[in-house]
Amino acid sequence: MTLFKRFPTFLIIMLGFALGGAEGYFRQKSGTPARKQAVNPADFEKLKAQAEAARDTDQIPEAIALYRKLVALRPDWAEGWWHIGALHYDRDQ
């Protein structure tokens, strides 16, 4: 599929996340919304470096899993949501 045909779908998904739909993406089984967890900034940066390394070495499933952990820790971290969307887009998902 060409980039032109896939771009509107990707844009709509990313816009939905940006407008607040992302928080509902990670809900606990009880149906309560995910909450921002207290996290040590050094630990967050270490996990972020692991996600970037996985992305840079084309370990896409691992990178997605790591970015999901990161946005679970900081649901308002837009860059993490962007990476998740971009990685899925690159995989044609």
Protein backbone atom coordinates (compact mmCIF):
# COMPACT_ATOMS: atom_id res chain seq x y z
CA MET A 1 0.00 0.00 0.00
CA THR A 2 1.37 3.40 -0.82
CA LEU A 3 2.20 6.00 1.77
CA PHE A 4 -0.50 8.29 0.42
CA LYS A 5 -3.21 5.70 1.02
CA ARG A 6 -2.03 4.83 4.56
CA PHE A 7 -1.28 8.36 5.79
CA PRO A 8 -4.88 9.45 6.53
CA THR A 9 -5.46 6.39 8.73
CA PHE A 10 -2.18 6.94 10.57
CA LEU A 11 -3.00 10.61 11.05
CA ILE A 12 -6.43 9.84 12.47
CA ILE A 13 -5.00 7.31 14.93
CA MET A 14 -2.29 9.68 16.11
CA LEU A 15 -4.78 12.54 16.41
CA GLY A 16 -7.03 10.36 18.53
CA PHE A 17 -4.16 9.56 20.89
CA ALA A 18 -3.17 13.21 21.06
CA LEU A 19 -6.71 14.29 21.95
CA GLY A 20 -6.91 12.02 24.97
CA GLY A 21 -7.87 8.64 23.64
CA ALA A 22 -4.50 7.24 24.60
CA GLU A 23 -5.24 6.97 28.31
CA GLY A 24 -8.03 4.53 27.63
CA TYR A 25 -5.63 2.38 25.63
CA PHE A 26 -4.16 1.08 28.88
CA ARG A 27 -7.02 0.13 31.18
CA GLN A 28 -6.75 -2.38 33.95
CA LYS A 29 -8.96 -5.46 33.83
CA SER A 30 -11.29 -3.88 36.38
CA GLY A 31 -12.09 -1.14 33.87
CA THR A 32 -10.52 1.66 35.87
CA PRO A 33 -8.30 4.02 33.95
CA ALA A 34 -4.56 3.63 34.18
CA ARG A 35 -2.97 6.06 36.58
CA LYS A 36 0.32 7.85 36.35
CA GLN A 37 2.81 5.95 38.50
CA ALA A 38 5.61 7.53 40.47
CA VAL A 39 8.83 6.64 38.74
CA ASN A 40 12.43 7.55 39.30
CA PRO A 41 13.56 9.80 36.41
CA ALA A 42 16.79 7.80 36.06
CA ASP A 43 14.82 4.56 35.72
CA PHE A 44 12.55 6.15 33.13
CA GLU A 45 15.56 7.34 31.11
CA LYS A 46 17.17 3.88 31.32
CA LEU A 47 14.00 2.22 30.02
CA LYS A 48 13.71 4.91 27.33
CA ALA A 49 17.30 4.18 26.20
CA GLN A 50 16.46 0.47 25.98
CA ALA A 51 13.40 1.24 23.85
CA GLU A 52 15.43 3.50 21.55
CA ALA A 53 18.14 0.83 21.20
CA ALA A 54 15.53 -1.81 20.33
CA ARG A 55 13.98 0.54 17.77
CA ASP A 56 17.36 1.39 16.25
CA THR A 57 18.28 -2.29 15.89
CA ASP A 58 14.90 -3.14 14.27
CA GLN A 59 13.68 -5.19 17.24
CA ILE A 60 10.24 -3.78 16.66
CA PRO A 61 8.10 -6.02 18.94
CA GLU A 62 10.50 -5.42 21.85
CA ALA A 63 10.58 -1.67 21.15
CA ILE A 64 6.77 -1.51 21.13
CA ALA A 65 6.59 -3.41 24.43
CA LEU A 66 9.13 -1.06 26.03
CA TYR A 67 7.39 2.07 24.76
CA ARG A 68 4.10 0.71 26.12
CA LYS A 69 5.72 0.29 29.54
CA LEU A 70 7.00 3.86 29.32
CA VAL A 71 3.62 5.38 28.46
CA ALA A 72 2.03 3.30 31.23
CA LEU A 73 4.42 5.05 33.60
CA ARG A 74 3.80 8.47 32.04
CA PRO A 75 0.53 8.48 30.06
CA ASP A 76 1.03 12.13 29.06
CA TRP A 77 4.39 11.40 27.38
CA ALA A 78 3.43 12.25 23.78
CA GLU A 79 6.75 11.14 22.29
CA GLY A 80 6.17 7.59 23.53
CA TRP A 81 2.71 7.46 21.98
CA TRP A 82 4.17 8.78 18.74
CA HIS A 83 6.82 6.03 18.68
CA ILE A 84 4.20 3.34 19.32
CA GLY A 85 2.09 4.65 16.44
CA ALA A 86 5.08 5.01 14.12
CA LEU A 87 6.32 1.49 14.88
CA HIS A 88 2.91 0.01 14.19
CA TYR A 89 2.69 2.06 11.01
CA ASP A 90 6.08 0.76 9.87
CA ARG A 91 4.86 -2.80 10.47
CA ASP A 92 1.65 -2.13 8.47
CA GLN A 93 -0.57 -2.59 11.52
